[in-house]
Each structure stands twice: as structure tokens, then as C-alpha cells.
């Protein structure tokens, strides 16, 4: 098999069906974005959850990228389509794991 992936729910992040947006554009723009050459530059999941502990949804994606090589990502969604003025309707964050597979 050359490529396969699946999405799975996570207990690592609290979700709330009645989530109300608490993100501003300035807060979102202040996040550090990692990149493929140095992913450790990005804001860590634990820092996000400290300031924004409840999300509207979150899930893991586990992919096989090459034979015997797995990639694990965590996607966190903050969706409030009826958000107040100055609050973002949608924030979508994607986190890669470190080599130990447990730190995003």
C-alpha cells in the first residue's frame, strides 16, 4: 500500500457543541507558524489549549506516507458562525507530532 489515512476522534482536546468564539484576528495572527524545515517554530498545542481550552471539534489523522512510515496530525476546529463582532467565525489549526508522536 503506497498511501492510506484515517480520521479518529481524540480525548486530548475538550470539545463543546455550544462553543462561542473567543478568537480575534490579532490573536490568530500572533501565532507562530511552523514549517517543514523547522516545525518546532510553530505554536505548541498545549499553549493553544491553555488559552482556548474548549473547541468545537478535534480529530487525529494518521497516514501511511511510505512503507512502515506513519504521519500523525491533530486538527483543532473553533467554529462559531454566529460569532460576535471582532471575533472570528472559524479558526482551523493543524498540528504535526514530534518524533515521539505525543507532542503537537
PDB file of N, CA and C in Angstrom:
ATOM      1  N   UNK A   1       0.843  -1.161   0.000  1.00  0.00           N
ATOM      2  CA  UNK A   1       0.000   0.000   0.000  1.00  0.00           C
ATOM      3  C   UNK A   1       0.899   1.239   0.000  1.00  0.00           C
ATOM      4  N   UNK A   2       0.671   2.144  -0.922  1.00  0.00           N
ATOM      5  CA  UNK A   2       1.519   3.323  -1.020  1.00  0.00           C
ATOM      6  C   UNK A   2       1.031   4.479  -0.158  1.00  0.00           C
ATOM      7  N   UNK A   3      -0.277   4.580   0.055  1.00  0.00           N
ATOM      8  CA  UNK A   3      -0.788   5.670   0.886  1.00  0.00           C
ATOM      9  C   UNK A   3      -2.160   5.289   1.434  1.00  0.00           C
ATOM     10  N   UNK A   4      -2.360   5.587   2.706  1.00  0.00           N
ATOM     11  CA  UNK A   4      -3.664   5.404   3.342  1.00  0.00           C
ATOM     12  C   UNK A   4      -3.756   6.372   4.508  1.00  0.00           C
ATOM     13  N   UNK A   5      -4.982   6.778   4.858  1.00  0.00           N
ATOM     14  CA  UNK A   5      -5.148   7.650   6.014  1.00  0.00           C
ATOM     15  C   UNK A   5      -6.525   7.433   6.618  1.00  0.00           C
ATOM     16  N   UNK A   6      -6.646   7.830   7.873  1.00  0.00           N
ATOM     17  CA  UNK A   6      -7.926   7.733   8.570  1.00  0.00           C
ATOM     18  C   UNK A   6      -8.033   8.812   9.622  1.00  0.00           C
ATOM     19  N   UNK A   7      -9.248   9.262   9.903  1.00  0.00           N
ATOM     20  CA  UNK A   7      -9.511  10.255  10.944  1.00  0.00           C
ATOM     21  C   UNK A   7     -10.126   9.573  12.149  1.00  0.00           C
ATOM     22  N   UNK A   8      -9.703  10.018  13.342  1.00  0.00           N
ATOM     23  CA  UNK A   8     -10.166   9.416  14.576  1.00  0.00           C
ATOM     24  C   UNK A   8     -10.450  10.499  15.608  1.00  0.00           C
ATOM     25  N   UNK A   9     -11.480  10.322  16.431  1.00  0.00           N
ATOM     26  CA  UNK A   9     -11.749  11.297  17.492  1.00  0.00           C
ATOM     27  C   UNK A   9     -10.618  11.292  18.516  1.00  0.00           C
ATOM     28  N   UNK A  10     -10.512  12.357  19.271  1.00  0.00           N
ATOM     29  CA  UNK A  10      -9.466  12.463  20.284  1.00  0.00           C
ATOM     30  C   UNK A  10     -10.044  12.862  21.632  1.00  0.00           C
ATOM     31  N   UNK A  11      -9.482  12.298  22.680  1.00  0.00           N
ATOM     32  CA  UNK A  11      -9.828  12.698  24.037  1.00  0.00           C
ATOM     33  C   UNK A  11      -8.855  13.747  24.567  1.00  0.00           C
ATOM     34  N   UNK A  12      -7.834  14.072  23.786  1.00  0.00           N
ATOM     35  CA  UNK A  12      -6.797  15.005  24.215  1.00  0.00           C
ATOM     36  C   UNK A  12      -7.279  16.456  24.220  1.00  0.00           C
ATOM     37  N   UNK A  13      -8.401  16.723  23.559  1.00  0.00           N
ATOM     38  CA  UNK A  13      -8.916  18.083  23.430  1.00  0.00           C
ATOM     39  C   UNK A  13     -10.389  18.075  23.814  1.00  0.00           C
ATOM     40  N   UNK A  14     -10.794  19.027  24.677  1.00  0.00           N
ATOM     41  CA  UNK A  14     -12.206  19.140  25.058  1.00  0.00           C
ATOM     42  C   UNK A  14     -12.984  19.822  23.942  1.00  0.00           C
ATOM     43  N   UNK A  15     -14.107  19.218  23.578  1.00  0.00           N
ATOM     44  CA  UNK A  15     -14.973  19.854  22.586  1.00  0.00           C
ATOM     45  C   UNK A  15     -16.262  20.300  23.267  1.00  0.00           C
ATOM     46  N   UNK A  16     -16.886  21.302  22.677  1.00  0.00           N
ATOM     47  CA  UNK A  16     -18.112  21.875  23.232  1.00  0.00           C
ATOM     48  C   UNK A  16     -19.053  22.171  22.061  1.00  0.00           C
ATOM     49  N   UNK A  17     -20.195  21.489  22.025  1.00  0.00           N
ATOM     50  CA  UNK A  17     -21.164  21.695  20.938  1.00  0.00           C
ATOM     51  C   UNK A  17     -21.716  23.114  20.903  1.00  0.00           C
ATOM     52  N   UNK A  18     -21.641  23.823  22.027  1.00  0.00           N
ATOM     53  CA  UNK A  18     -22.151  25.196  22.069  1.00  0.00           C
ATOM     54  C   UNK A  18     -21.001  26.206  22.151  1.00  0.00           C
ATOM     55  N   UNK A  19     -19.872  25.871  21.521  1.00  0.00           N
ATOM     56  CA  UNK A  19     -18.693  26.734  21.531  1.00  0.00           C
ATOM     57  C   UNK A  19     -19.057  28.144  21.046  1.00  0.00           C
ATOM     58  N   UNK A  20     -18.568  29.161  21.776  1.00  0.00           N
ATOM     59  CA  UNK A  20     -18.725  30.570  21.393  1.00  0.00           C
ATOM     60  C   UNK A  20     -17.340  31.133  21.123  1.00  0.00           C
ATOM     61  N   UNK A  21     -17.169  31.759  19.999  1.00  0.00           N
ATOM     62  CA  UNK A  21     -15.862  32.247  19.572  1.00  0.00           C
ATOM     63  C   UNK A  21     -15.240  33.186  20.594  1.00  0.00           C
ATOM     64  N   UNK A  22     -13.959  32.916  20.875  1.00  0.00           N
ATOM     65  CA  UNK A  22     -13.194  33.819  21.728  1.00  0.00           C
ATOM     66  C   UNK A  22     -11.869  34.196  21.067  1.00  0.00           C
ATOM     67  N   UNK A  23     -11.770  33.974  19.758  1.00  0.00           N
ATOM     68  CA  UNK A  23     -10.583  34.317  18.974  1.00  0.00           C
ATOM     69  C   UNK A  23     -10.781  35.645  18.266  1.00  0.00           C
ATOM     70  N   UNK A  24      -9.749  36.494  18.294  1.00  0.00           N
ATOM     71  CA  UNK A  24      -9.739  37.703  17.463  1.00  0.00           C
ATOM     72  C   UNK A  24      -8.707  37.497  16.350  1.00  0.00           C
ATOM     73  N   UNK A  25      -8.782  38.311  15.330  1.00  0.00           N
ATOM     74  CA  UNK A  25      -7.810  38.219  14.237  1.00  0.00           C
ATOM     75  C   UNK A  25      -6.401  38.491  14.755  1.00  0.00           C
ATOM     76  N   UNK A  26      -6.261  39.426  15.681  1.00  0.00           N
ATOM     77  CA  UNK A  26      -4.947  39.754  16.228  1.00  0.00           C
ATOM     78  C   UNK A  26      -4.346  38.552  16.975  1.00  0.00           C
ATOM     79  N   UNK A  27      -5.171  37.841  17.721  1.00  0.00           N
ATOM     80  CA  UNK A  27      -4.691  36.656  18.437  1.00  0.00           C
ATOM     81  C   UNK A  27      -4.259  35.569  17.450  1.00  0.00           C
ATOM     82  N   UNK A  28      -5.059  35.367  16.415  1.00  0.00           N
ATOM     83  CA  UNK A  28      -4.710  34.371  15.405  1.00  0.00           C
ATOM     84  C   UNK A  28      -3.412  34.752  14.688  1.00  0.00           C
ATOM     85  N   UNK A  29      -3.294  36.020  14.288  1.00  0.00           N
ATOM     86  CA  UNK A  29      -2.104  36.481  13.575  1.00  0.00           C
ATOM     87  C   UNK A  29      -0.841  36.387  14.432  1.00  0.00           C
ATOM     88  N   UNK A  30      -0.983  36.392  15.751  1.00  0.00           N
ATOM     89  CA  UNK A  30       0.168  36.322  16.658  1.00  0.00           C
ATOM     90  C   UNK A  30       0.731  34.903  16.808  1.00  0.00           C
ATOM     91  N   UNK A  31       0.022  33.891  16.290  1.00  0.00           N
ATOM     92  CA  UNK A  31       0.512  32.516  16.390  1.00  0.00           C
ATOM     93  C   UNK A  31       1.781  32.350  15.563  1.00  0.00           C
ATOM     94  N   UNK A  32       2.696  31.543  16.051  1.00  0.00           N
ATOM     95  CA  UNK A  32       3.891  31.205  15.289  1.00  0.00           C
ATOM     96  C   UNK A  32       3.579  30.002  14.418  1.00  0.00           C
ATOM     97  N   UNK A  33       3.871  30.115  13.162  1.00  0.00           N
ATOM     98  CA  UNK A  33       3.595  29.030  12.222  1.00  0.00           C
ATOM     99  C   UNK A  33       4.863  28.240  11.973  1.00  0.00           C
ATOM    100  N   UNK A  34       4.792  26.939  12.179  1.00  0.00           N
ATOM    101  CA  UNK A  34       5.921  26.066  11.869  1.00  0.00           C
ATOM    102  C   UNK A  34       5.957  25.797  10.377  1.00  0.00           C
ATOM    103  N   UNK A  35       7.067  25.257   9.922  1.00  0.00           N
ATOM    104  CA  UNK A  35       7.146  24.842   8.527  1.00  0.00           C
ATOM    105  C   UNK A  35       7.893  23.518   8.450  1.00  0.00           C
ATOM    106  N   UNK A  36       7.937  22.952   7.268  1.00  0.00           N
ATOM    107  CA  UNK A  36       8.534  21.630   7.108  1.00  0.00           C
ATOM    108  C   UNK A  36      10.017  21.602   7.452  1.00  0.00           C
ATOM    109  N   UNK A  37      10.724  22.699   7.212  1.00  0.00           N
ATOM    110  CA  UNK A  37      12.156  22.711   7.512  1.00  0.00           C
ATOM    111  C   UNK A  37      12.424  22.836   9.007  1.00  0.00           C
ATOM    112  N   UNK A  38      11.509  23.470   9.750  1.00  0.00           N
ATOM    113  CA  UNK A  38      11.680  23.606  11.189  1.00  0.00           C
ATOM    114  C   UNK A  38      10.311  23.688  11.859  1.00  0.00           C
ATOM    115  N   UNK A  39       9.625  22.560  12.032  1.00  0.00           N
ATOM    116  CA  UNK A  39       8.287  22.578  12.603  1.00  0.00           C
ATOM    117  C   UNK A  39       8.252  23.038  14.057  1.00  0.00           C
ATOM    118  N   UNK A  40       9.385  22.998  14.748  1.00  0.00           N
ATOM    119  CA  UNK A  40       9.395  23.407  16.154  1.00  0.00           C
ATOM    120  C   UNK A  40       9.191  24.906  16.321  1.00  0.00           C
ATOM    121  N   UNK A  41       9.241  25.666  15.225  1.00  0.00           N
ATOM    122  CA  UNK A  41       8.974  27.105  15.287  1.00  0.00           C
ATOM    123  C   UNK A  41       7.516  27.415  15.585  1.00  0.00           C
ATOM    124  N   UNK A  42       6.618  26.470  15.339  1.00  0.00           N
ATOM    125  CA  UNK A  42       5.190  26.722  15.481  1.00  0.00           C
ATOM    126  C   UNK A  42       4.723  26.743  16.925  1.00  0.00           C
ATOM    127  N   UNK A  43       3.607  27.425  17.160  1.00  0.00           N
ATOM    128  CA  UNK A  43       2.981  27.441  18.476  1.00  0.00           C
ATOM    129  C   UNK A  43       2.560  26.023  18.832  1.00  0.00           C
ATOM    130  N   UNK A  44       2.820  25.613  20.045  1.00  0.00           N
ATOM    131  CA  UNK A  44       2.514  24.252  20.502  1.00  0.00           C
ATOM    132  C   UNK A  44       1.039  24.129  20.889  1.00  0.00           C
ATOM    133  N   UNK A  45       0.496  22.939  20.722  1.00  0.00           N
ATOM    134  CA  UNK A  45      -0.895  22.664  21.078  1.00  0.00           C
ATOM    135  C   UNK A  45      -1.162  23.014  22.532  1.00  0.00           C
ATOM    136  N   UNK A  46      -0.271  22.639  23.439  1.00  0.00           N
ATOM    137  CA  UNK A  46      -0.528  22.903  24.861  1.00  0.00           C
ATOM    138  C   UNK A  46      -0.680  24.394  25.144  1.00  0.00           C
ATOM    139  N   UNK A  47       0.043  25.239  24.414  1.00  0.00           N
ATOM    140  CA  UNK A  47      -0.115  26.684  24.569  1.00  0.00           C
ATOM    141  C   UNK A  47      -1.476  27.165  24.088  1.00  0.00           C
ATOM    142  N   UNK A  48      -1.938  26.606  22.980  1.00  0.00           N
ATOM    143  CA  UNK A  48      -3.261  26.960  22.454  1.00  0.00           C
ATOM    144  C   UNK A  48      -4.340  26.552  23.451  1.00  0.00           C
ATOM    145  N   UNK A  49      -4.254  25.310  23.948  1.00  0.00           N
ATOM    146  CA  UNK A  49      -5.298  24.804  24.852  1.00  0.00           C
ATOM    147  C   UNK A  49      -5.284  25.507  26.198  1.00  0.00           C
ATOM    148  N   UNK A  50      -4.161  26.074  26.574  1.00  0.00           N
ATOM    149  CA  UNK A  50      -4.095  26.849  27.821  1.00  0.00           C
ATOM    150  C   UNK A  50      -4.976  28.094  27.702  1.00  0.00           C
ATOM    151  N   UNK A  51      -4.904  28.757  26.539  1.00  0.00           N
ATOM    152  CA  UNK A  51      -5.670  29.986  26.314  1.00  0.00           C
ATOM    153  C   UNK A  51      -7.067  29.738  25.743  1.00  0.00           C
ATOM    154  N   UNK A  52      -7.231  28.645  25.000  1.00  0.00           N
ATOM    155  CA  UNK A  52      -8.502  28.331  24.329  1.00  0.00           C
ATOM    156  C   UNK A  52      -8.826  26.850  24.567  1.00  0.00           C
ATOM    157  N   UNK A  53      -9.219  26.489  25.777  1.00  0.00           N
ATOM    158  CA  UNK A  53      -9.326  25.062  26.140  1.00  0.00           C
ATOM    159  C   UNK A  53     -10.460  24.295  25.467  1.00  0.00           C
ATOM    160  N   UNK A  54     -11.548  24.958  25.125  1.00  0.00           N
ATOM    161  CA  UNK A  54     -12.676  24.245  24.522  1.00  0.00           C
ATOM    162  C   UNK A  54     -12.778  24.586  23.053  1.00  0.00           C
ATOM    163  N   UNK A  55     -12.919  23.543  22.241  1.00  0.00           N
ATOM    164  CA  UNK A  55     -13.006  23.692  20.796  1.00  0.00           C
ATOM    165  C   UNK A  55     -14.379  23.235  20.328  1.00  0.00           C
ATOM    166  N   UNK A  56     -14.687  23.481  19.076  1.00  0.00           N
ATOM    167  CA  UNK A  56     -15.945  22.951  18.541  1.00  0.00           C
ATOM    168  C   UNK A  56     -15.754  21.523  18.038  1.00  0.00           C
ATOM    169  N   UNK A  57     -14.504  21.166  17.661  1.00  0.00           N
ATOM    170  CA  UNK A  57     -14.227  19.806  17.199  1.00  0.00           C
ATOM    171  C   UNK A  57     -12.725  19.598  17.137  1.00  0.00           C
ATOM    172  N   UNK A  58     -12.310  18.343  17.176  1.00  0.00           N
ATOM    173  CA  UNK A  58     -10.894  17.994  17.048  1.00  0.00           C
ATOM    174  C   UNK A  58     -10.800  16.532  16.638  1.00  0.00           C
ATOM    175  N   UNK A  59      -9.811  16.213  15.803  1.00  0.00           N
ATOM    176  CA  UNK A  59      -9.592  14.811  15.459  1.00  0.00           C
ATOM    177  C   UNK A  59      -8.153  14.573  15.018  1.00  0.00           C
ATOM    178  N   UNK A  60      -7.756  13.313  15.119  1.00  0.00           N
ATOM    179  CA  UNK A  60      -6.447  12.864  14.644  1.00  0.00           C
ATOM    180  C   UNK A  60      -6.574  12.393  13.209  1.00  0.00           C
ATOM    181  N   UNK A  61      -5.509  12.574  12.456  1.00  0.00           N
ATOM    182  CA  UNK A  61      -5.374  11.926  11.164  1.00  0.00           C
ATOM    183  C   UNK A  61      -4.082  11.132  11.211  1.00  0.00           C
ATOM    184  N   UNK A  62      -4.178   9.861  10.922  1.00  0.00           N
ATOM    185  CA  UNK A  62      -2.996   9.015  10.848  1.00  0.00           C
ATOM    186  C   UNK A  62      -2.879   8.545   9.408  1.00  0.00           C
ATOM    187  N   UNK A  63      -1.706   8.766   8.834  1.00  0.00           N
ATOM    188  CA  UNK A  63      -1.474   8.429   7.432  1.00  0.00           C
ATOM    189  C   UNK A  63      -0.243   7.547   7.302  1.00  0.00           C
ATOM    190  N   UNK A  64      -0.280   6.691   6.313  1.00  0.00           N
ATOM    191  CA  UNK A  64       0.906   5.955   5.908  1.00  0.00           C
ATOM    192  C   UNK A  64       1.459   6.714   4.719  1.00  0.00           C
ATOM    193  N   UNK A  65       2.664   7.246   4.876  1.00  0.00           N
ATOM    194  CA  UNK A  65       3.239   8.037   3.792  1.00  0.00           C
ATOM    195  C   UNK A  65       4.212   7.223   2.943  1.00  0.00           C
ATOM    196  N   UNK A  66       4.869   6.261   3.556  1.00  0.00           N
ATOM    197  CA  UNK A  66       5.734   5.290   2.879  1.00  0.00           C
ATOM    198  C   UNK A  66       5.629   3.998   3.663  1.00  0.00           C
ATOM    199  N   UNK A  67       6.069   2.940   3.092  1.00  0.00           N
ATOM    200  CA  UNK A  67       6.019   1.662   3.795  1.00  0.00           C
ATOM    201  C   UNK A  67       6.706   1.797   5.156  1.00  0.00           C
ATOM    202  N   UNK A  68       5.993   1.408   6.206  1.00  0.00           N
ATOM    203  CA  UNK A  68       6.483   1.450   7.589  1.00  0.00           C
ATOM    204  C   UNK A  68       6.747   2.856   8.109  1.00  0.00           C
ATOM    205  N   UNK A  69       6.197   3.891   7.478  1.00  0.00           N
ATOM    206  CA  UNK A  69       6.370   5.255   7.965  1.00  0.00           C
ATOM    207  C   UNK A  69       4.988   5.893   8.134  1.00  0.00           C
ATOM    208  N   UNK A  70       4.685   6.271   9.373  1.00  0.00           N
ATOM    209  CA  UNK A  70       3.389   6.849   9.689  1.00  0.00           C
ATOM    210  C   UNK A  70       3.539   8.338   9.983  1.00  0.00           C
ATOM    211  N   UNK A  71       2.491   9.080   9.678  1.00  0.00           N
ATOM    212  CA  UNK A  71       2.433  10.502   9.994  1.00  0.00           C
ATOM    213  C   UNK A  71       1.168  10.715  10.819  1.00  0.00           C
ATOM    214  N   UNK A  72       1.283  11.421  11.935  1.00  0.00           N
ATOM    215  CA  UNK A  72       0.149  11.671  12.813  1.00  0.00           C
ATOM    216  C   UNK A  72      -0.034  13.185  12.946  1.00  0.00           C
ATOM    217  N   UNK A  73      -1.256  13.648  12.690  1.00  0.00           N
ATOM    218  CA  UNK A  73      -1.589  15.066  12.798  1.00  0.00           C
ATOM    219  C   UNK A  73      -2.829  15.219  13.673  1.00  0.00           C
ATOM    220  N   UNK A  74      -2.947  16.369  14.286  1.00  0.00           N
ATOM    221  CA  UNK A  74      -4.127  16.694  15.077  1.00  0.00           C
ATOM    222  C   UNK A  74      -4.708  17.985  14.518  1.00  0.00           C
ATOM    223  N   UNK A  75      -5.977  17.956  14.176  1.00  0.00           N
ATOM    224  CA  UNK A  75      -6.659  19.138  13.667  1.00  0.00           C
ATOM    225  C   UNK A  75      -7.630  19.620  14.741  1.00  0.00           C
ATOM    226  N   UNK A  76      -7.573  20.916  15.012  1.00  0.00           N
ATOM    227  CA  UNK A  76      -8.436  21.525  16.026  1.00  0.00           C
ATOM    228  C   UNK A  76      -9.274  22.592  15.326  1.00  0.00           C
ATOM    229  N   UNK A  77     -10.581  22.546  15.552  1.00  0.00           N
ATOM    230  CA  UNK A  77     -11.520  23.484  14.930  1.00  0.00           C
ATOM    231  C   UNK A  77     -12.185  24.344  15.993  1.00  0.00           C
ATOM    232  N   UNK A  78     -12.259  25.624  15.734  1.00  0.00           N
ATOM    233  CA  UNK A  78     -13.026  26.565  16.544  1.00  0.00           C
ATOM    234  C   UNK A  78     -14.021  27.206  15.573  1.00  0.00           C
ATOM    235  N   UNK A  79     -15.274  26.762  15.588  1.00  0.00           N
ATOM    236  CA  UNK A  79     -16.289  27.264  14.660  1.00  0.00           C
ATOM    237  C   UNK A  79     -17.456  27.870  15.431  1.00  0.00           C
ATOM    238  N   UNK A  80     -17.785  29.119  15.124  1.00  0.00           N
ATOM    239  CA  UNK A  80     -18.952  29.795  15.677  1.00  0.00           C
ATOM    240  C   UNK A  80     -19.455  30.743  14.590  1.00  0.00           C
ATOM    241  N   UNK A  81     -20.378  30.255  13.776  1.00  0.00           N
ATOM    242  CA  UNK A  81     -20.832  31.024  12.626  1.00  0.00           C
ATOM    243  C   UNK A  81     -21.739  32.193  12.999  1.00  0.00           C
ATOM    244  N   UNK A  82     -22.078  32.307  14.282  1.00  0.00           N
ATOM    245  CA  UNK A  82     -22.861  33.449  14.774  1.00  0.00           C
ATOM    246  C   UNK A  82     -22.029  34.255  15.770  1.00  0.00           C
ATOM    247  N   UNK A  83     -20.737  34.334  15.529  1.00  0.00           N
ATOM    248  CA  UNK A  83     -19.830  34.993  16.472  1.00  0.00           C
ATOM    249  C   UNK A  83     -20.132  36.481  16.590  1.00  0.00           C
ATOM    250  N   UNK A  84     -19.721  37.023  17.743  1.00  0.00           N
ATOM    251  CA  UNK A  84     -19.883  38.452  17.991  1.00  0.00           C
ATOM    252  C   UNK A  84     -18.937  39.239  17.090  1.00  0.00           C
ATOM    253  N   UNK A  85     -19.183  40.557  16.999  1.00  0.00           N
ATOM    254  CA  UNK A  85     -18.278  41.423  16.246  1.00  0.00           C
ATOM    255  C   UNK A  85     -16.875  41.276  16.793  1.00  0.00           C
ATOM    256  N   UNK A  86     -15.897  41.354  15.898  1.00  0.00           N
ATOM    257  CA  UNK A  86     -14.469  41.267  16.221  1.00  0.00           C
ATOM    258  C   UNK A  86     -14.008  39.877  16.648  1.00  0.00           C
ATOM    259  N   UNK A  87     -14.891  38.896  16.635  1.00  0.00           N
ATOM    260  CA  UNK A  87     -14.499  37.518  16.934  1.00  0.00           C
ATOM    261  C   UNK A  87     -14.540  36.733  15.627  1.00  0.00           C
ATOM    262  N   UNK A  88     -13.579  35.843  15.452  1.00  0.00           N
ATOM    263  CA  UNK A  88     -13.513  35.055  14.224  1.00  0.00           C
ATOM    264  C   UNK A  88     -14.574  33.964  14.202  1.00  0.00           C
ATOM    265  N   UNK A  89     -15.161  33.748  13.055  1.00  0.00           N
ATOM    266  CA  UNK A  89     -16.161  32.698  12.900  1.00  0.00           C
ATOM    267  C   UNK A  89     -15.524  31.313  12.874  1.00  0.00           C
ATOM    268  N   UNK A  90     -14.346  31.218  12.270  1.00  0.00           N
ATOM    269  CA  UNK A  90     -13.680  29.929  12.114  1.00  0.00           C
ATOM    270  C   UNK A  90     -12.175  30.075  12.334  1.00  0.00           C
ATOM    271  N   UNK A  91     -11.636  29.173  13.142  1.00  0.00           N
ATOM    272  CA  UNK A  91     -10.189  29.020  13.296  1.00  0.00           C
ATOM    273  C   UNK A  91      -9.916  27.532  13.127  1.00  0.00           C
ATOM    274  N   UNK A  92      -9.002  27.215  12.239  1.00  0.00           N
ATOM    275  CA  UNK A  92      -8.660  25.835  11.900  1.00  0.00           C
ATOM    276  C   UNK A  92      -7.156  25.702  12.093  1.00  0.00           C
ATOM    277  N   UNK A  93      -6.743  24.833  13.012  1.00  0.00           N
ATOM    278  CA  UNK A  93      -5.326  24.666  13.309  1.00  0.00           C
ATOM    279  C   UNK A  93      -4.914  23.222  13.077  1.00  0.00           C
ATOM    280  N   UNK A  94      -3.793  23.030  12.429  1.00  0.00           N
ATOM    281  CA  UNK A  94      -3.266  21.701  12.145  1.00  0.00           C
ATOM    282  C   UNK A  94      -1.918  21.563  12.835  1.00  0.00           C
ATOM    283  N   UNK A  95      -1.765  20.507  13.624  1.00  0.00           N
ATOM    284  CA  UNK A  95      -0.539  20.256  14.366  1.00  0.00           C
ATOM    285  C   UNK A  95       0.069  18.939  13.924  1.00  0.00           C
ATOM    286  N   UNK A  96       1.372  18.948  13.661  1.00  0.00           N
ATOM    287  CA  UNK A  96       2.139  17.739  13.407  1.00  0.00           C
ATOM    288  C   UNK A  96       2.724  17.266  14.730  1.00  0.00           C
ATOM    289  N   UNK A  97       3.062  15.998  14.804  1.00  0.00           N
ATOM    290  CA  UNK A  97       3.694  15.475  16.003  1.00  0.00           C
ATOM    291  C   UNK A  97       5.202  15.605  15.918  1.00  0.00           C
ATOM    292  N   UNK A  98       5.802  15.540  17.096  1.00  0.00           N
ATOM    293  CA  UNK A  98       7.247  15.421  17.160  1.00  0.00           C
ATOM    294  C   UNK A  98       7.581  13.965  16.896  1.00  0.00           C
ATOM    295  N   UNK A  99       8.843  13.630  16.881  1.00  0.00           N
ATOM    296  CA  UNK A  99       9.232  12.253  16.598  1.00  0.00           C
ATOM    297  C   UNK A  99       8.707  11.276  17.631  1.00  0.00           C
ATOM    298  N   UNK A 100       8.498  11.728  18.886  1.00  0.00           N
ATOM    299  CA  UNK A 100       7.958  10.807  19.897  1.00  0.00           C
ATOM    300  C   UNK A 100       6.477  10.512  19.659  1.00  0.00           C
ATOM    301  N   UNK A 101       5.829  11.324  18.810  1.00  0.00           N
ATOM    302  CA  UNK A 101       4.448  11.077  18.438  1.00  0.00           C
ATOM    303  C   UNK A 101       3.417  11.558  19.440  1.00  0.00           C
ATOM    304  N   UNK A 102       3.859  12.187  20.545  1.00  0.00           N
ATOM    305  CA  UNK A 102       2.916  12.603  21.576  1.00  0.00           C
ATOM    306  C   UNK A 102       2.856  14.107  21.794  1.00  0.00           C
ATOM    307  N   UNK A 103       3.745  14.869  21.198  1.00  0.00           N
ATOM    308  CA  UNK A 103       3.771  16.316  21.381  1.00  0.00           C
ATOM    309  C   UNK A 103       3.400  16.968  20.057  1.00  0.00           C
ATOM    310  N   UNK A 104       2.415  17.837  20.101  1.00  0.00           N
ATOM    311  CA  UNK A 104       1.947  18.522  18.891  1.00  0.00           C
ATOM    312  C   UNK A 104       2.343  19.986  18.917  1.00  0.00           C
TER     313      UNK A 104
END
